[in-house]
N, C-alpha and C. Protein backbone atom coordinates (compact mmCIF):
# COMPACT_ATOMS: atom_id res chain seq x y z
N MET A 1 100.24 96.00 119.35
CA MET A 1 101.43 96.08 118.52
C MET A 1 101.87 94.67 118.15
N ASP A 2 102.27 94.51 116.94
CA ASP A 2 102.77 93.20 116.54
C ASP A 2 104.27 93.12 116.81
N LEU A 3 104.80 91.95 116.66
CA LEU A 3 106.19 91.69 117.01
C LEU A 3 107.15 92.51 116.15
N THR A 4 106.85 92.67 114.89
CA THR A 4 107.75 93.40 114.00
C THR A 4 107.86 94.86 114.44
N THR A 5 106.72 95.46 114.81
CA THR A 5 106.75 96.85 115.26
C THR A 5 107.55 96.99 116.54
N VAL A 6 107.38 96.05 117.46
CA VAL A 6 108.10 96.11 118.73
C VAL A 6 109.59 95.97 118.49
N MET A 7 109.97 95.01 117.62
CA MET A 7 111.39 94.78 117.37
C MET A 7 112.02 95.98 116.68
N LEU A 8 111.35 96.50 115.67
CA LEU A 8 111.92 97.62 114.94
C LEU A 8 111.95 98.89 115.77
N GLY A 9 110.95 99.07 116.65
CA GLY A 9 110.94 100.24 117.53
C GLY A 9 112.11 100.22 118.49
N GLY A 10 112.38 99.04 119.09
CA GLY A 10 113.51 98.92 120.01
C GLY A 10 114.84 99.09 119.31
N MET A 11 114.94 98.54 118.11
CA MET A 11 116.19 98.67 117.36
C MET A 11 116.41 100.12 116.95
N ALA A 12 115.33 100.83 116.61
CA ALA A 12 115.49 102.22 116.21
C ALA A 12 115.98 103.06 117.38
N ARG A 13 115.48 102.78 118.59
CA ARG A 13 115.95 103.53 119.76
C ARG A 13 117.43 103.26 120.02
N ARG A 14 117.83 101.99 119.89
CA ARG A 14 119.23 101.67 120.11
C ARG A 14 120.10 102.27 119.01
N CYS A 15 119.60 102.31 117.78
CA CYS A 15 120.39 102.86 116.67
C CYS A 15 120.55 104.36 116.81
N ARG A 16 119.56 105.03 117.40
CA ARG A 16 119.70 106.46 117.60
C ARG A 16 120.78 106.73 118.64
N ARG A 17 120.89 105.83 119.64
CA ARG A 17 121.92 106.02 120.65
C ARG A 17 123.29 105.65 120.11
N ALA A 18 123.38 104.61 119.35
CA ALA A 18 124.67 104.17 118.81
C ALA A 18 124.97 104.96 117.54
N ALA A 19 126.20 105.06 117.20
CA ALA A 19 126.57 105.82 116.01
C ALA A 19 126.85 104.88 114.86
N GLY A 20 126.49 105.35 113.66
CA GLY A 20 126.90 104.66 112.43
C GLY A 20 125.90 103.64 111.93
N ILE A 21 126.30 103.03 110.90
CA ILE A 21 125.45 102.09 110.17
C ILE A 21 125.61 100.67 110.69
N SER A 22 126.60 100.43 111.53
CA SER A 22 126.85 99.07 112.01
C SER A 22 125.66 98.55 112.81
N CYS A 23 124.97 99.41 113.52
CA CYS A 23 123.82 98.98 114.30
C CYS A 23 122.70 98.51 113.38
N LEU A 24 122.53 99.19 112.27
CA LEU A 24 121.50 98.77 111.32
C LEU A 24 121.84 97.41 110.74
N LEU A 25 123.12 97.21 110.45
CA LEU A 25 123.53 95.92 109.89
C LEU A 25 123.33 94.80 110.91
N LEU A 26 123.66 95.08 112.17
CA LEU A 26 123.45 94.08 113.21
C LEU A 26 121.97 93.78 113.39
N GLY A 27 121.14 94.80 113.31
CA GLY A 27 119.70 94.60 113.44
C GLY A 27 119.15 93.77 112.30
N ALA A 28 119.63 94.02 111.08
CA ALA A 28 119.18 93.22 109.94
C ALA A 28 119.63 91.78 110.08
N CYS A 29 120.85 91.57 110.58
CA CYS A 29 121.33 90.20 110.79
C CYS A 29 120.50 89.52 111.86
N ALA A 30 120.14 90.23 112.91
CA ALA A 30 119.35 89.64 113.98
C ALA A 30 117.97 89.27 113.49
N LEU A 31 117.36 90.10 112.63
CA LEU A 31 116.04 89.79 112.10
C LEU A 31 116.07 88.59 111.19
N THR A 32 117.07 88.51 110.33
CA THR A 32 117.12 87.39 109.40
C THR A 32 117.49 86.09 110.09
N ALA A 33 118.30 86.15 111.15
CA ALA A 33 118.70 84.94 111.85
C ALA A 33 117.61 84.46 112.79
N GLY A 34 116.67 85.32 113.14
CA GLY A 34 115.60 84.94 114.06
C GLY A 34 116.01 85.00 115.51
N GLY A 35 117.13 85.59 115.81
CA GLY A 35 117.61 85.66 117.18
C GLY A 35 117.25 86.96 117.84
N CYS A 36 116.01 87.34 117.83
CA CYS A 36 115.61 88.62 118.39
C CYS A 36 115.05 88.49 119.78
N GLY A 37 114.97 87.29 120.35
CA GLY A 37 114.37 87.11 121.67
C GLY A 37 115.13 87.84 122.75
N ALA A 38 116.45 87.80 122.72
CA ALA A 38 117.25 88.43 123.76
C ALA A 38 117.18 89.94 123.66
N SER A 39 117.14 90.49 122.43
CA SER A 39 117.12 91.95 122.31
C SER A 39 115.78 92.52 122.73
N ARG A 40 114.71 91.75 122.63
CA ARG A 40 113.41 92.26 123.04
C ARG A 40 113.29 92.33 124.55
N ALA A 41 113.97 91.46 125.27
CA ALA A 41 113.88 91.47 126.73
C ALA A 41 114.49 92.73 127.30
N ALA A 42 115.45 93.31 126.61
CA ALA A 42 116.09 94.52 127.10
C ALA A 42 115.27 95.77 126.85
N ASP A 43 114.21 95.67 126.07
CA ASP A 43 113.42 96.86 125.73
C ASP A 43 112.51 97.31 126.86
N GLY A 44 112.26 96.49 127.82
CA GLY A 44 111.43 96.90 128.93
C GLY A 44 110.00 96.42 128.79
N PRO A 45 109.02 97.22 129.26
CA PRO A 45 107.64 96.77 129.35
C PRO A 45 106.98 96.58 127.98
N GLN A 46 107.54 97.10 126.90
CA GLN A 46 106.92 96.93 125.59
C GLN A 46 106.96 95.50 125.14
N SER A 47 108.05 94.82 125.42
CA SER A 47 108.22 93.48 124.88
C SER A 47 107.34 92.50 125.64
N ALA A 48 106.84 91.54 124.94
CA ALA A 48 106.01 90.50 125.52
C ALA A 48 106.76 89.19 125.42
N THR A 49 106.29 88.21 126.17
CA THR A 49 106.94 86.91 126.09
C THR A 49 106.36 86.17 124.90
N VAL A 50 107.05 86.29 123.81
CA VAL A 50 106.62 85.70 122.55
C VAL A 50 107.72 84.76 122.09
N PRO A 51 107.38 83.57 121.66
CA PRO A 51 108.43 82.69 121.17
C PRO A 51 109.13 83.32 119.98
N PRO A 52 110.47 83.17 119.90
CA PRO A 52 111.18 83.75 118.76
C PRO A 52 110.68 83.13 117.45
N GLY A 53 110.56 83.97 116.44
CA GLY A 53 110.14 83.51 115.12
C GLY A 53 108.64 83.57 114.93
N ASP A 54 107.84 83.82 116.00
CA ASP A 54 106.39 83.93 115.83
C ASP A 54 106.06 85.38 115.54
N ALA A 55 105.66 85.70 114.33
CA ALA A 55 105.46 87.08 113.90
C ALA A 55 104.08 87.60 114.27
N ARG A 56 103.20 86.77 114.86
CA ARG A 56 101.86 87.24 115.15
C ARG A 56 101.65 87.52 116.63
N GLY A 57 102.71 87.63 117.38
CA GLY A 57 102.58 88.04 118.78
C GLY A 57 102.10 86.94 119.71
N GLY A 58 102.47 85.69 119.51
CA GLY A 58 102.13 84.62 120.43
C GLY A 58 100.81 83.94 120.15
N GLN A 59 100.08 84.32 119.17
CA GLN A 59 98.82 83.66 118.84
C GLN A 59 99.12 82.33 118.18
N PRO A 60 98.29 81.33 118.42
CA PRO A 60 98.56 80.02 117.82
C PRO A 60 98.38 80.08 116.30
N ALA A 61 99.16 79.27 115.63
CA ALA A 61 99.11 79.25 114.18
C ALA A 61 97.82 78.57 113.73
N VAL A 62 97.07 79.24 112.84
CA VAL A 62 95.84 78.69 112.30
C VAL A 62 96.07 78.45 110.82
N PRO A 63 95.96 77.20 110.35
CA PRO A 63 96.17 76.97 108.92
C PRO A 63 95.02 77.58 108.12
N THR A 64 95.36 78.18 107.01
CA THR A 64 94.34 78.74 106.13
C THR A 64 93.84 77.67 105.19
N ALA A 65 92.65 77.88 104.65
CA ALA A 65 92.02 76.87 103.79
C ALA A 65 92.80 76.70 102.49
N GLY A 66 93.32 77.78 101.93
CA GLY A 66 94.03 77.71 100.65
C GLY A 66 95.44 77.19 100.77
N ALA A 67 96.00 77.15 102.00
CA ALA A 67 97.40 76.75 102.16
C ALA A 67 97.58 75.25 102.03
N THR A 68 96.57 74.45 102.37
CA THR A 68 96.73 73.01 102.33
C THR A 68 96.46 72.43 100.96
N ALA A 69 95.64 73.10 100.16
CA ALA A 69 95.29 72.56 98.85
C ALA A 69 96.36 72.96 97.82
N PRO A 70 96.80 72.03 96.98
CA PRO A 70 97.77 72.40 95.95
C PRO A 70 97.10 73.29 94.90
N PRO A 71 97.86 74.14 94.24
CA PRO A 71 97.27 75.02 93.25
C PRO A 71 96.73 74.21 92.07
N ALA A 72 95.61 74.67 91.53
CA ALA A 72 94.98 73.98 90.40
C ALA A 72 95.80 74.21 89.14
N ALA A 73 95.86 73.21 88.31
CA ALA A 73 96.59 73.34 87.04
C ALA A 73 95.83 74.27 86.10
N PRO A 74 96.53 75.11 85.35
CA PRO A 74 95.84 76.01 84.44
C PRO A 74 95.19 75.22 83.31
N SER A 75 94.12 75.78 82.77
CA SER A 75 93.42 75.10 81.68
C SER A 75 94.25 75.16 80.40
N ASP A 76 93.86 74.37 79.42
CA ASP A 76 94.60 74.32 78.16
C ASP A 76 94.23 75.47 77.23
N THR A 77 93.19 76.23 77.59
CA THR A 77 92.75 77.34 76.73
C THR A 77 92.71 78.64 77.53
N VAL A 78 92.71 79.74 76.81
CA VAL A 78 92.58 81.06 77.42
C VAL A 78 91.43 81.79 76.73
N ARG A 79 90.85 82.73 77.47
CA ARG A 79 89.78 83.56 76.91
C ARG A 79 90.34 84.95 76.66
N ILE A 80 90.12 85.46 75.46
CA ILE A 80 90.53 86.82 75.11
C ILE A 80 89.26 87.59 74.79
N ILE A 81 89.06 88.70 75.48
CA ILE A 81 87.85 89.50 75.33
C ILE A 81 88.22 90.82 74.67
N PHE A 82 87.62 91.11 73.53
CA PHE A 82 87.84 92.36 72.80
C PHE A 82 86.65 93.28 73.02
N THR A 83 86.94 94.55 73.37
CA THR A 83 85.91 95.58 73.43
C THR A 83 86.44 96.81 72.69
N VAL A 84 85.52 97.67 72.25
CA VAL A 84 85.93 98.90 71.58
C VAL A 84 85.30 100.09 72.27
N ILE A 85 85.98 101.23 72.15
CA ILE A 85 85.48 102.50 72.67
C ILE A 85 85.43 103.45 71.49
N PRO A 86 84.34 103.98 71.11
CA PRO A 86 83.02 103.99 71.72
C PRO A 86 82.33 102.64 71.56
N SER A 87 81.52 102.30 72.56
CA SER A 87 80.89 100.99 72.57
C SER A 87 79.76 100.86 71.55
N THR A 88 79.37 101.96 70.90
CA THR A 88 78.30 101.91 69.90
C THR A 88 78.81 101.51 68.53
N ALA A 89 80.12 101.38 68.36
CA ALA A 89 80.70 101.06 67.06
C ALA A 89 80.69 99.55 66.83
N THR A 90 80.59 99.17 65.56
CA THR A 90 80.72 97.78 65.15
C THR A 90 82.09 97.63 64.52
N ALA A 91 82.91 96.71 65.03
CA ALA A 91 84.29 96.59 64.57
C ALA A 91 84.60 95.15 64.22
N LYS A 92 85.46 94.98 63.23
CA LYS A 92 85.94 93.66 62.83
C LYS A 92 87.34 93.47 63.40
N VAL A 93 87.60 92.26 63.89
CA VAL A 93 88.92 91.92 64.41
C VAL A 93 89.55 90.96 63.41
N LEU A 94 90.65 91.40 62.79
CA LEU A 94 91.31 90.62 61.76
C LEU A 94 92.69 90.17 62.23
N TRP A 95 93.03 88.94 61.91
CA TRP A 95 94.36 88.38 62.17
C TRP A 95 94.94 88.07 60.80
N GLY A 96 95.72 89.01 60.27
CA GLY A 96 96.15 88.92 58.88
C GLY A 96 94.94 89.13 58.00
N LYS A 97 94.65 88.17 57.13
CA LYS A 97 93.45 88.25 56.30
C LYS A 97 92.27 87.50 56.90
N LYS A 98 92.51 86.79 58.01
CA LYS A 98 91.47 85.98 58.62
C LYS A 98 90.63 86.83 59.57
N LEU A 99 89.31 86.77 59.41
CA LEU A 99 88.38 87.47 60.29
C LEU A 99 88.19 86.62 61.55
N LEU A 100 88.62 87.14 62.70
CA LEU A 100 88.46 86.42 63.96
C LEU A 100 87.06 86.58 64.53
N GLY A 101 86.43 87.71 64.25
CA GLY A 101 85.08 87.95 64.76
C GLY A 101 84.72 89.41 64.66
N VAL A 102 83.51 89.72 65.11
CA VAL A 102 82.99 91.08 65.05
C VAL A 102 82.59 91.50 66.45
N VAL A 103 83.02 92.71 66.83
CA VAL A 103 82.61 93.30 68.11
C VAL A 103 81.33 94.06 67.83
N ALA A 104 80.22 93.56 68.34
CA ALA A 104 78.92 94.18 68.12
C ALA A 104 78.76 95.38 69.05
N PRO A 105 77.83 96.29 68.73
CA PRO A 105 77.62 97.43 69.63
C PRO A 105 77.22 96.96 71.03
N ARG A 106 77.95 97.45 72.00
CA ARG A 106 77.74 97.17 73.43
C ARG A 106 77.88 95.69 73.79
N LYS A 107 78.54 94.91 72.95
CA LYS A 107 78.78 93.50 73.25
C LYS A 107 80.22 93.17 72.91
N PRO A 108 80.94 92.51 73.79
CA PRO A 108 82.34 92.17 73.51
C PRO A 108 82.43 90.94 72.60
N LEU A 109 83.60 90.78 72.01
CA LEU A 109 83.92 89.58 71.25
C LEU A 109 84.76 88.71 72.18
N VAL A 110 84.32 87.48 72.42
CA VAL A 110 85.04 86.56 73.30
C VAL A 110 85.61 85.46 72.43
N MET A 111 86.94 85.31 72.49
CA MET A 111 87.62 84.27 71.72
C MET A 111 88.26 83.28 72.68
N VAL A 112 88.28 82.02 72.30
CA VAL A 112 88.96 80.99 73.07
C VAL A 112 90.11 80.48 72.20
N ARG A 113 91.32 80.56 72.73
CA ARG A 113 92.52 80.15 72.01
C ARG A 113 93.30 79.15 72.85
N PRO A 114 94.14 78.31 72.23
CA PRO A 114 95.00 77.42 73.01
C PRO A 114 96.01 78.24 73.84
N ARG A 115 96.25 77.79 75.05
CA ARG A 115 97.20 78.48 75.93
C ARG A 115 98.61 78.39 75.35
N ASP A 116 99.35 79.48 75.46
CA ASP A 116 100.74 79.59 74.99
C ASP A 116 100.90 79.24 73.51
N SER A 117 99.92 79.65 72.71
CA SER A 117 100.01 79.40 71.27
C SER A 117 100.67 80.56 70.54
N GLY A 118 101.22 81.52 71.25
CA GLY A 118 101.92 82.63 70.63
C GLY A 118 101.06 83.88 70.59
N PRO A 119 101.70 85.03 70.38
CA PRO A 119 100.94 86.27 70.34
C PRO A 119 100.13 86.40 69.05
N LEU A 120 99.06 87.18 69.13
CA LEU A 120 98.22 87.46 67.97
C LEU A 120 98.38 88.93 67.62
N ASP A 121 98.86 89.23 66.43
CA ASP A 121 98.92 90.60 65.94
C ASP A 121 97.63 90.84 65.16
N VAL A 122 96.74 91.64 65.73
CA VAL A 122 95.42 91.83 65.14
C VAL A 122 95.24 93.28 64.69
N VAL A 123 94.30 93.47 63.77
CA VAL A 123 93.91 94.79 63.31
C VAL A 123 92.42 94.93 63.59
N VAL A 124 92.03 96.01 64.25
CA VAL A 124 90.62 96.28 64.54
C VAL A 124 90.18 97.38 63.58
N ARG A 125 89.18 97.06 62.75
CA ARG A 125 88.68 98.01 61.74
C ARG A 125 87.20 98.27 61.98
N ALA A 126 86.82 99.55 61.82
CA ALA A 126 85.42 99.95 61.92
C ALA A 126 85.19 101.07 60.91
N ASP A 127 83.98 101.13 60.35
CA ASP A 127 83.64 102.16 59.37
C ASP A 127 83.68 103.53 60.03
N GLY A 128 84.36 104.49 59.38
CA GLY A 128 84.46 105.84 59.89
C GLY A 128 85.56 106.05 60.91
N PHE A 129 86.36 105.02 61.19
CA PHE A 129 87.43 105.11 62.18
C PHE A 129 88.74 104.65 61.55
N LEU A 130 89.85 105.10 62.11
CA LEU A 130 91.15 104.64 61.66
C LEU A 130 91.37 103.20 62.13
N PRO A 131 92.05 102.36 61.35
CA PRO A 131 92.34 101.00 61.82
C PRO A 131 93.37 101.04 62.96
N VAL A 132 93.24 100.09 63.88
CA VAL A 132 94.14 100.01 65.03
C VAL A 132 94.84 98.66 65.00
N GLN A 133 96.17 98.69 65.02
CA GLN A 133 96.96 97.46 65.07
C GLN A 133 97.42 97.26 66.51
N THR A 134 97.27 96.05 67.01
CA THR A 134 97.66 95.76 68.38
C THR A 134 98.05 94.29 68.51
N ARG A 135 98.54 93.91 69.68
CA ARG A 135 98.98 92.54 69.93
C ARG A 135 98.31 92.02 71.20
N VAL A 136 97.89 90.75 71.15
CA VAL A 136 97.30 90.09 72.30
C VAL A 136 98.11 88.83 72.58
N TYR A 137 98.28 88.50 73.85
CA TYR A 137 99.07 87.34 74.24
C TYR A 137 98.15 86.22 74.72
N THR A 138 98.65 84.99 74.62
CA THR A 138 97.83 83.83 74.95
C THR A 138 98.34 83.06 76.16
N PHE A 139 99.18 83.65 77.01
CA PHE A 139 99.67 82.91 78.17
C PHE A 139 98.72 82.99 79.35
N ALA A 140 97.70 83.87 79.30
CA ALA A 140 96.70 83.97 80.36
C ALA A 140 95.44 84.60 79.80
N ASP A 141 94.34 84.50 80.54
CA ASP A 141 93.11 85.18 80.13
C ASP A 141 93.38 86.67 80.09
N SER A 142 92.84 87.35 79.09
CA SER A 142 93.09 88.79 78.99
C SER A 142 91.89 89.50 78.40
N LYS A 143 91.86 90.80 78.63
CA LYS A 143 90.81 91.66 78.10
C LYS A 143 91.49 92.83 77.42
N LEU A 144 91.08 93.11 76.19
CA LEU A 144 91.70 94.19 75.41
C LEU A 144 90.62 95.19 75.03
N GLY A 145 90.79 96.43 75.45
CA GLY A 145 89.90 97.52 75.07
C GLY A 145 90.60 98.39 74.05
N VAL A 146 90.00 98.59 72.89
CA VAL A 146 90.62 99.36 71.81
C VAL A 146 89.86 100.66 71.65
N LYS A 147 90.57 101.79 71.77
CA LYS A 147 89.96 103.09 71.57
C LYS A 147 90.07 103.44 70.09
N LEU A 148 88.92 103.64 69.46
CA LEU A 148 88.89 103.98 68.04
C LEU A 148 88.91 105.49 67.88
N THR A 149 89.60 105.96 66.83
CA THR A 149 89.72 107.39 66.54
C THR A 149 89.04 107.66 65.20
N THR A 150 88.16 108.65 65.19
CA THR A 150 87.47 108.99 63.94
C THR A 150 88.45 109.60 62.95
N LEU A 151 88.08 109.57 61.69
CA LEU A 151 88.95 110.13 60.65
C LEU A 151 89.15 111.63 60.85
N ASP A 152 88.14 112.33 61.37
CA ASP A 152 88.27 113.77 61.61
C ASP A 152 89.21 114.08 62.78
N ASP A 153 89.35 113.16 63.73
CA ASP A 153 90.19 113.39 64.91
C ASP A 153 91.59 112.82 64.76
N LYS A 154 91.99 112.42 63.57
CA LYS A 154 93.31 111.81 63.43
C LYS A 154 94.43 112.80 63.72
N LYS A 155 94.14 114.09 63.68
CA LYS A 155 95.16 115.11 64.00
C LYS A 155 95.55 115.06 65.47
N THR A 156 94.73 114.46 66.32
CA THR A 156 95.02 114.42 67.75
C THR A 156 95.96 113.29 68.13
N LEU A 157 96.26 112.39 67.20
CA LEU A 157 97.12 111.25 67.51
C LEU A 157 98.58 111.63 67.51
N LEU A 158 99.34 111.00 68.39
CA LEU A 158 100.77 111.22 68.47
C LEU A 158 101.42 110.70 67.19
N GLY A 159 102.26 111.51 66.56
CA GLY A 159 102.95 111.12 65.35
C GLY A 159 102.21 111.50 64.07
N TYR A 160 101.07 112.18 64.18
CA TYR A 160 100.32 112.56 62.99
C TYR A 160 101.11 113.61 62.21
N ARG A 161 101.09 113.48 60.88
CA ARG A 161 101.73 114.47 60.01
C ARG A 161 100.72 114.96 58.99
N GLU A 162 100.76 116.24 58.75
CA GLU A 162 99.89 116.82 57.72
C GLU A 162 100.32 116.27 56.37
N PRO A 163 99.37 115.97 55.49
CA PRO A 163 99.78 115.51 54.16
C PRO A 163 100.46 116.64 53.40
N PRO A 164 101.43 116.32 52.55
CA PRO A 164 102.12 117.39 51.82
C PRO A 164 101.17 118.06 50.82
N PRO A 165 101.40 119.32 50.56
CA PRO A 165 100.53 120.01 49.59
C PRO A 165 100.76 119.43 48.19
N PRO A 166 99.77 119.54 47.29
CA PRO A 166 99.95 119.02 45.94
C PRO A 166 101.05 119.78 45.22
N GLU A 167 101.79 119.07 44.40
CA GLU A 167 102.90 119.69 43.69
C GLU A 167 102.37 120.58 42.56
N VAL A 168 102.96 121.75 42.44
CA VAL A 168 102.62 122.69 41.37
C VAL A 168 103.73 122.60 40.34
N PRO A 169 103.38 122.32 39.06
CA PRO A 169 104.44 122.23 38.05
C PRO A 169 105.10 123.59 37.81
N PRO A 170 106.39 123.59 37.54
CA PRO A 170 107.06 124.86 37.27
C PRO A 170 106.53 125.49 35.98
N PRO A 171 106.65 126.81 35.86
CA PRO A 171 106.13 127.47 34.65
C PRO A 171 106.89 126.98 33.41
N GLY A 172 106.16 126.75 32.35
CA GLY A 172 106.75 126.29 31.11
C GLY A 172 106.82 124.78 30.99
N ALA A 173 106.50 124.04 32.06
CA ALA A 173 106.53 122.58 31.99
C ALA A 173 105.24 122.10 31.33
N PRO A 174 105.31 120.95 30.67
CA PRO A 174 104.08 120.43 30.07
C PRO A 174 103.05 120.10 31.14
N ALA A 175 101.81 120.30 30.86
CA ALA A 175 100.73 120.06 31.81
C ALA A 175 100.54 118.57 31.99
N ALA A 176 100.14 118.20 33.17
CA ALA A 176 99.86 116.80 33.47
C ALA A 176 98.63 116.35 32.72
N PRO A 177 98.56 115.08 32.33
CA PRO A 177 97.37 114.61 31.63
C PRO A 177 96.12 114.80 32.48
N GLY A 178 95.07 115.31 31.88
CA GLY A 178 93.81 115.53 32.57
C GLY A 178 93.72 116.89 33.22
N ALA A 179 94.80 117.68 33.22
CA ALA A 179 94.77 119.01 33.82
C ALA A 179 94.17 119.99 32.82
N PRO A 180 93.44 121.00 33.28
CA PRO A 180 92.86 121.98 32.34
C PRO A 180 93.97 122.78 31.65
N VAL A 181 93.78 123.02 30.40
CA VAL A 181 94.76 123.73 29.61
C VAL A 181 94.26 125.15 29.39
N ASN A 182 95.15 126.14 29.65
CA ASN A 182 94.78 127.54 29.43
C ASN A 182 94.80 127.83 27.93
N GLU A 183 93.68 128.25 27.41
CA GLU A 183 93.57 128.60 25.99
C GLU A 183 94.09 130.01 25.79
N PRO A 184 94.69 130.31 24.62
CA PRO A 184 95.10 131.68 24.39
C PRO A 184 93.89 132.60 24.39
N GLY A 185 94.00 133.69 25.06
CA GLY A 185 92.92 134.67 25.13
C GLY A 185 91.96 134.42 26.28
N ALA A 186 92.14 133.29 27.00
CA ALA A 186 91.27 133.01 28.14
C ALA A 186 91.78 133.76 29.35
N VAL A 187 90.89 134.13 30.22
CA VAL A 187 91.25 134.87 31.43
C VAL A 187 91.66 133.85 32.51
N PRO A 188 92.90 133.98 33.01
CA PRO A 188 93.33 133.03 34.05
C PRO A 188 92.56 133.26 35.36
N ASP A 189 92.48 132.19 36.18
CA ASP A 189 91.84 132.30 37.48
C ASP A 189 92.62 133.26 38.35
N ALA A 190 91.90 133.96 39.23
CA ALA A 190 92.55 134.93 40.11
C ALA A 190 93.49 134.23 41.09
N GLY A 191 93.17 132.98 41.52
CA GLY A 191 93.98 132.27 42.51
C GLY A 191 95.08 131.45 41.87
N ALA A 192 95.12 131.34 40.54
CA ALA A 192 96.10 130.49 39.90
C ALA A 192 97.45 131.20 39.84
N ALA A 193 98.50 130.40 39.89
CA ALA A 193 99.86 130.97 39.79
C ALA A 193 100.13 131.36 38.35
N PRO A 194 100.87 132.47 38.11
CA PRO A 194 101.15 132.88 36.73
C PRO A 194 102.13 131.96 36.06
């Protein structure tokens, strides 16, 4: 058992005996102040002779390799990796009118940009698929996977609306240019409106 478990176990037993929330508050104060040595001695055989403040149960402190070295400074550039689903599609990545690159089938597009140069609002276009607008950030390395939707499956997208039916001119209105004109004596189509 580690020290935290021993301390919390003893405090829980005392809190069950005592009434109210004041015991919990005292226990939290004791934990934050580091003065738990005296309360552990009263718990009986569970408590061990551990110096107060040592959370590992009396084991000597071993410095870790990463703790002594200062963190490395981030590079001046970031890598942004674009992939598409399905991976067999060829897609263009556009930033406004500028072509940033092409995602080849089963190969990602890797771009290197200056760090913290602002977000990129890009459009991913592929033949036979709807265009996808998205945003990529440049504050860290990132990977963006874009799911492409075929033109036939556009009904499955959230917010899709059926196109309105074509307008039918009211009876007696002049015909639109290029529309077939019914000749007198001609038989109207069975599906046409009278």
